[in-house]
Amino acid sequence: TVLSADDREYIEKMLRYVADSIKTEEVV
């Protein structure tokens, strides 16, 4: 449950990737 700085950077990158891949009414 504890996120290191390196881990958080990777998580944020993946969340942005998922968010940017969303199209209308899609689940990514």
All heavy atoms as atom14 arrays in JSON, in Angstrom:
{
  "sequence": "TVLSADDREYIEKMLRYVADSIKTEEVV",
  "atom14_mask": [
    [1, 1, 1, 1, 1, 1, 1, 0, 0, 0, 0, 0, 0, 0],
    [1, 1, 1, 1, 1, 1, 1, 0, 0, 0, 0, 0, 0, 0],
    [1, 1, 1, 1, 1, 1, 1, 1, 0, 0, 0, 0, 0, 0],
    [1, 1, 1, 1, 1, 1, 0, 0, 0, 0, 0, 0, 0, 0],
    [1, 1, 1, 1, 1, 0, 0, 0, 0, 0, 0, 0, 0, 0],
    [1, 1, 1, 1, 1, 1, 1, 1, 0, 0, 0, 0, 0, 0],
    [1, 1, 1, 1, 1, 1, 1, 1, 0, 0, 0, 0, 0, 0],
    [1, 1, 1, 1, 1, 1, 1, 1, 1, 1, 1, 0, 0, 0],
    [1, 1, 1, 1, 1, 1, 1, 1, 1, 0, 0, 0, 0, 0],
    [1, 1, 1, 1, 1, 1, 1, 1, 1, 1, 1, 1, 0, 0],
    [1, 1, 1, 1, 1, 1, 1, 1, 0, 0, 0, 0, 0, 0],
    [1, 1, 1, 1, 1, 1, 1, 1, 1, 0, 0, 0, 0, 0],
    [1, 1, 1, 1, 1, 1, 1, 1, 1, 0, 0, 0, 0, 0],
    [1, 1, 1, 1, 1, 1, 1, 1, 0, 0, 0, 0, 0, 0],
    [1, 1, 1, 1, 1, 1, 1, 1, 0, 0, 0, 0, 0, 0],
    [1, 1, 1, 1, 1, 1, 1, 1, 1, 1, 1, 0, 0, 0],
    [1, 1, 1, 1, 1, 1, 1, 1, 1, 1, 1, 1, 0, 0],
    [1, 1, 1, 1, 1, 1, 1, 0, 0, 0, 0, 0, 0, 0],
    [1, 1, 1, 1, 1, 0, 0, 0, 0, 0, 0, 0, 0, 0],
    [1, 1, 1, 1, 1, 1, 1, 1, 0, 0, 0, 0, 0, 0],
    [1, 1, 1, 1, 1, 1, 0, 0, 0, 0, 0, 0, 0, 0],
    [1, 1, 1, 1, 1, 1, 1, 1, 0, 0, 0, 0, 0, 0],
    [1, 1, 1, 1, 1, 1, 1, 1, 1, 0, 0, 0, 0, 0],
    [1, 1, 1, 1, 1, 1, 1, 0, 0, 0, 0, 0, 0, 0],
    [1, 1, 1, 1, 1, 1, 1, 1, 1, 0, 0, 0, 0, 0],
    [1, 1, 1, 1, 1, 1, 1, 1, 1, 0, 0, 0, 0, 0],
    [1, 1, 1, 1, 1, 1, 1, 0, 0, 0, 0, 0, 0, 0],
    [1, 1, 1, 1, 1, 1, 1, 0, 0, 0, 0, 0, 0, 0]
  ],
  "atom14_positions": [
    [[0.82, -1.21, 0.0], [0.0, 0.0, 0.0], [0.86, 1.27, 0.0], [0.36, 2.34, -0.29], [-0.92, 0.04, 1.23], [-0.13, -0.03, 2.42], [-1.88, -1.14, 1.2], [0.0, 0.0, 0.0], [0.0, 0.0, 0.0], [0.0, 0.0, 0.0], [0.0, 0.0, 0.0], [0.0, 0.0, 0.0], [0.0, 0.0, 0.0], [0.0, 0.0, 0.0]],
    [[2.13, 1.15, 0.35], [3.02, 2.31, 0.36], [3.65, 2.46, -1.02], [4.25, 1.52, -1.54], [4.11, 2.16, 1.45], [5.04, 3.36, 1.42], [3.47, 2.01, 2.82], [0.0, 0.0, 0.0], [0.0, 0.0, 0.0], [0.0, 0.0, 0.0], [0.0, 0.0, 0.0], [0.0, 0.0, 0.0], [0.0, 0.0, 0.0], [0.0, 0.0, 0.0]],
    [[3.51, 3.63, -1.61], [4.01, 3.86, -2.96], [5.31, 4.67, -2.89], [5.33, 5.77, -2.36], [2.97, 4.62, -3.79], [1.58, 3.98, -3.86], [0.64, 4.86, -4.69], [1.65, 2.58, -4.45], [0.0, 0.0, 0.0], [0.0, 0.0, 0.0], [0.0, 0.0, 0.0], [0.0, 0.0, 0.0], [0.0, 0.0, 0.0], [0.0, 0.0, 0.0]],
    [[6.36, 4.1, -3.45], [7.63, 4.83, -3.54], [7.53, 5.86, -4.65], [6.6, 5.85, -5.47], [8.77, 3.85, -3.81], [8.61, 3.25, -5.09], [0.0, 0.0, 0.0], [0.0, 0.0, 0.0], [0.0, 0.0, 0.0], [0.0, 0.0, 0.0], [0.0, 0.0, 0.0], [0.0, 0.0, 0.0], [0.0, 0.0, 0.0], [0.0, 0.0, 0.0]],
    [[8.49, 6.76, -4.7], [8.49, 7.79, -5.74], [8.57, 7.17, -7.13], [7.88, 7.58, -8.06], [9.64, 8.76, -5.5], [0.0, 0.0, 0.0], [0.0, 0.0, 0.0], [0.0, 0.0, 0.0], [0.0, 0.0, 0.0], [0.0, 0.0, 0.0], [0.0, 0.0, 0.0], [0.0, 0.0, 0.0], [0.0, 0.0, 0.0], [0.0, 0.0, 0.0]],
    [[9.43, 6.15, -7.27], [9.58, 5.47, -8.56], [8.29, 4.73, -8.93], [7.86, 4.75, -10.09], [10.75, 4.49, -8.49], [10.99, 3.8, -9.81], [11.23, 4.49, -10.82], [10.94, 2.55, -9.84], [0.0, 0.0, 0.0], [0.0, 0.0, 0.0], [0.0, 0.0, 0.0], [0.0, 0.0, 0.0], [0.0, 0.0, 0.0], [0.0, 0.0, 0.0]],
    [[7.7, 4.09, -7.95], [6.46, 3.36, -8.18], [5.34, 4.32, -8.57], [4.56, 4.06, -9.48], [6.07, 2.61, -6.89], [5.09, 1.47, -7.15], [5.04, 0.99, -8.3], [4.38, 1.08, -6.21], [0.0, 0.0, 0.0], [0.0, 0.0, 0.0], [0.0, 0.0, 0.0], [0.0, 0.0, 0.0], [0.0, 0.0, 0.0], [0.0, 0.0, 0.0]],
    [[5.26, 5.45, -7.89], [4.21, 6.42, -8.19], [4.37, 6.99, -9.6], [3.38, 7.19, -10.31], [4.26, 7.55, -7.16], [3.08, 8.5, -7.28], [3.12, 9.59, -6.22], [1.95, 10.43, -6.34], [0.78, 10.22, -5.76], [0.64, 9.17, -4.96], [-0.24, 11.04, -5.93], [0.0, 0.0, 0.0], [0.0, 0.0, 0.0], [0.0, 0.0, 0.0]],
    [[5.61, 7.21, -10.02], [5.84, 7.72, -11.38], [5.32, 6.73, -12.42], [4.68, 7.12, -13.41], [7.34, 7.97, -11.58], [7.68, 8.51, -12.96], [9.17, 8.73, -13.15], [9.92, 8.51, -12.18], [9.59, 9.09, -14.26], [0.0, 0.0, 0.0], [0.0, 0.0, 0.0], [0.0, 0.0, 0.0], [0.0, 0.0, 0.0], [0.0, 0.0, 0.0]],
    [[5.59, 5.44, -12.2], [5.12, 4.4, -13.12], [3.59, 4.32, -13.11], [2.95, 4.22, -14.17], [5.75, 3.07, -12.7], [4.89, 1.84, -12.82], [4.55, 1.29, -14.06], [4.42, 1.19, -11.67], [3.77, 0.15, -14.15], [3.64, 0.06, -11.75], [3.32, -0.46, -12.99], [2.54, -1.58, -13.07], [0.0, 0.0, 0.0], [0.0, 0.0, 0.0]],
    [[2.98, 4.42, -11.93], [1.52, 4.35, -11.82], [0.86, 5.53, -12.53], [-0.11, 5.37, -13.27], [1.1, 4.29, -10.34], [1.57, 2.97, -9.71], [-0.41, 4.45, -10.19], [1.48, 2.93, -8.21], [0.0, 0.0, 0.0], [0.0, 0.0, 0.0], [0.0, 0.0, 0.0], [0.0, 0.0, 0.0], [0.0, 0.0, 0.0], [0.0, 0.0, 0.0]],
    [[1.38, 6.71, -12.3], [0.81, 7.9, -12.93], [0.93, 7.82, -14.45], [0.01, 8.21, -15.18], [1.52, 9.15, -12.41], [1.2, 9.45, -10.95], [1.87, 10.73, -10.46], [2.61, 11.35, -11.28], [1.68, 11.1, -9.29], [0.0, 0.0, 0.0], [0.0, 0.0, 0.0], [0.0, 0.0, 0.0], [0.0, 0.0, 0.0], [0.0, 0.0, 0.0]],
    [[2.06, 7.3, -14.93], [2.25, 7.14, -16.37], [1.2, 6.19, -16.95], [0.6, 6.48, -18.0], [3.65, 6.61, -16.65], [3.94, 6.38, -18.13], [5.35, 5.83, -18.32], [5.62, 5.54, -19.8], [6.99, 4.98, -20.01], [0.0, 0.0, 0.0], [0.0, 0.0, 0.0], [0.0, 0.0, 0.0], [0.0, 0.0, 0.0], [0.0, 0.0, 0.0]],
    [[0.95, 5.08, -16.27], [-0.02, 4.11, -16.77], [-1.45, 4.67, -16.69], [-2.27, 4.43, -17.59], [0.08, 2.81, -15.97], [1.29, 1.96, -16.32], [1.4, 1.58, -18.09], [-0.21, 0.87, -18.41], [0.0, 0.0, 0.0], [0.0, 0.0, 0.0], [0.0, 0.0, 0.0], [0.0, 0.0, 0.0], [0.0, 0.0, 0.0], [0.0, 0.0, 0.0]],
    [[-1.76, 5.41, -15.64], [-3.1, 5.99, -15.53], [-3.34, 7.01, -16.64], [-4.44, 7.07, -17.21], [-3.27, 6.64, -14.16], [-3.39, 5.67, -12.97], [-3.34, 6.42, -11.66], [-4.69, 4.86, -13.06], [0.0, 0.0, 0.0], [0.0, 0.0, 0.0], [0.0, 0.0, 0.0], [0.0, 0.0, 0.0], [0.0, 0.0, 0.0], [0.0, 0.0, 0.0]],
    [[-2.33, 7.81, -16.96], [-2.48, 8.78, -18.06], [-2.64, 8.04, -19.38], [-3.42, 8.45, -20.25], [-1.26, 9.71, -18.09], [-1.18, 10.68, -16.92], [-0.11, 11.73, -17.16], [0.01, 12.65, -16.04], [0.91, 12.53, -15.07], [1.79, 11.55, -15.11], [0.95, 13.41, -14.08], [0.0, 0.0, 0.0], [0.0, 0.0, 0.0], [0.0, 0.0, 0.0]],
    [[-1.91, 6.95, -19.54], [-2.01, 6.15, -20.76], [-3.42, 5.6, -20.92], [-4.02, 5.65, -22.01], [-1.0, 5.01, -20.71], [-1.11, 4.02, -21.85], [-0.62, 4.32, -23.11], [-1.74, 2.78, -21.66], [-0.74, 3.42, -24.16], [-1.86, 1.88, -22.69], [-1.36, 2.21, -23.94], [-1.48, 1.32, -24.99], [0.0, 0.0, 0.0], [0.0, 0.0, 0.0]],
    [[-3.99, 5.08, -19.85], [-5.34, 4.54, -19.88], [-6.34, 5.65, -20.19], [-7.23, 5.49, -21.02], [-5.68, 3.84, -18.54], [-7.18, 3.56, -18.44], [-4.9, 2.54, -18.41], [0.0, 0.0, 0.0], [0.0, 0.0, 0.0], [0.0, 0.0, 0.0], [0.0, 0.0, 0.0], [0.0, 0.0, 0.0], [0.0, 0.0, 0.0], [0.0, 0.0, 0.0]],
    [[-6.18, 6.78, -19.5], [-7.11, 7.9, -19.7], [-7.06, 8.42, -21.13], [-8.09, 8.74, -21.73], [-6.8, 9.01, -18.71], [0.0, 0.0, 0.0], [0.0, 0.0, 0.0], [0.0, 0.0, 0.0], [0.0, 0.0, 0.0], [0.0, 0.0, 0.0], [0.0, 0.0, 0.0], [0.0, 0.0, 0.0], [0.0, 0.0, 0.0], [0.0, 0.0, 0.0]],
    [[-5.86, 8.5, -21.69], [-5.71, 9.02, -23.05], [-6.22, 8.05, -24.11], [-6.46, 8.45, -25.26], [-4.23, 9.35, -23.33], [-3.73, 10.52, -22.5], [-4.58, 11.3, -22.0], [-2.5, 10.66, -22.33], [0.0, 0.0, 0.0], [0.0, 0.0, 0.0], [0.0, 0.0, 0.0], [0.0, 0.0, 0.0], [0.0, 0.0, 0.0], [0.0, 0.0, 0.0]],
    [[-6.37, 6.78, -23.73], [-6.83, 5.76, -24.69], [-8.35, 5.64, -24.75], [-8.88, 4.92, -25.59], [-6.23, 4.39, -24.34], [-4.82, 4.44, -24.33], [0.0, 0.0, 0.0], [0.0, 0.0, 0.0], [0.0, 0.0, 0.0], [0.0, 0.0, 0.0], [0.0, 0.0, 0.0], [0.0, 0.0, 0.0], [0.0, 0.0, 0.0], [0.0, 0.0, 0.0]],
    [[-9.03, 6.34, -23.85], [-10.49, 6.21, -23.79], [-11.14, 6.94, -24.96], [-10.85, 8.09, -25.24], [-11.03, 6.78, -22.46], [-10.44, 6.03, -21.27], [-12.56, 6.69, -22.43], [-10.83, 6.63, -19.94], [0.0, 0.0, 0.0], [0.0, 0.0, 0.0], [0.0, 0.0, 0.0], [0.0, 0.0, 0.0], [0.0, 0.0, 0.0], [0.0, 0.0, 0.0]],
    [[-12.03, 6.24, -25.61], [-12.88, 6.85, -26.63], [-14.32, 6.84, -26.11], [-14.59, 6.37, -25.0], [-12.77, 6.09, -27.95], [-11.37, 6.12, -28.55], [-11.3, 5.34, -29.84], [-9.88, 5.37, -30.41], [-9.78, 4.57, -31.66], [0.0, 0.0, 0.0], [0.0, 0.0, 0.0], [0.0, 0.0, 0.0], [0.0, 0.0, 0.0], [0.0, 0.0, 0.0]],
    [[-15.24, 7.32, -26.86], [-16.62, 7.43, -26.4], [-17.17, 6.08, -25.95], [-17.12, 5.1, -26.68], [-17.51, 7.99, -27.53], [-16.96, 9.22, -27.98], [-18.94, 8.21, -27.02], [0.0, 0.0, 0.0], [0.0, 0.0, 0.0], [0.0, 0.0, 0.0], [0.0, 0.0, 0.0], [0.0, 0.0, 0.0], [0.0, 0.0, 0.0], [0.0, 0.0, 0.0]],
    [[-17.68, 6.05, -24.69], [-18.33, 4.87, -24.11], [-17.44, 3.63, -24.12], [-17.93, 2.5, -24.17], [-19.66, 4.57, -24.82], [-20.7, 5.66, -24.66], [-22.03, 5.27, -25.27], [-22.07, 4.26, -26.0], [-23.01, 5.98, -25.02], [0.0, 0.0, 0.0], [0.0, 0.0, 0.0], [0.0, 0.0, 0.0], [0.0, 0.0, 0.0], [0.0, 0.0, 0.0]],
    [[-16.16, 3.83, -24.08], [-15.25, 2.7, -24.02], [-14.71, 2.52, -22.6], [-14.61, 3.47, -21.83], [-14.06, 2.89, -24.97], [-14.34, 2.52, -26.4], [-13.07, 2.49, -27.23], [-12.06, 3.05, -26.78], [-13.12, 1.91, -28.31], [0.0, 0.0, 0.0], [0.0, 0.0, 0.0], [0.0, 0.0, 0.0], [0.0, 0.0, 0.0], [0.0, 0.0, 0.0]],
    [[-14.4, 1.27, -22.27], [-13.7, 0.94, -21.03], [-12.34, 0.4, -21.41], [-12.23, -0.54, -22.2], [-14.48, -0.09, -20.19], [-13.7, -0.43, -18.93], [-15.85, 0.45, -19.83], [0.0, 0.0, 0.0], [0.0, 0.0, 0.0], [0.0, 0.0, 0.0], [0.0, 0.0, 0.0], [0.0, 0.0, 0.0], [0.0, 0.0, 0.0], [0.0, 0.0, 0.0]],
    [[-11.3, 1.01, -20.86], [-9.94, 0.63, -21.19], [-9.29, -0.03, -19.98], [-9.51, 0.4, -18.84], [-9.11, 1.87, -21.61], [-7.66, 1.47, -21.91], [-9.75, 2.53, -22.83], [0.0, 0.0, 0.0], [0.0, 0.0, 0.0], [0.0, 0.0, 0.0], [0.0, 0.0, 0.0], [0.0, 0.0, 0.0], [0.0, 0.0, 0.0], [0.0, 0.0, 0.0]]
  ]
}
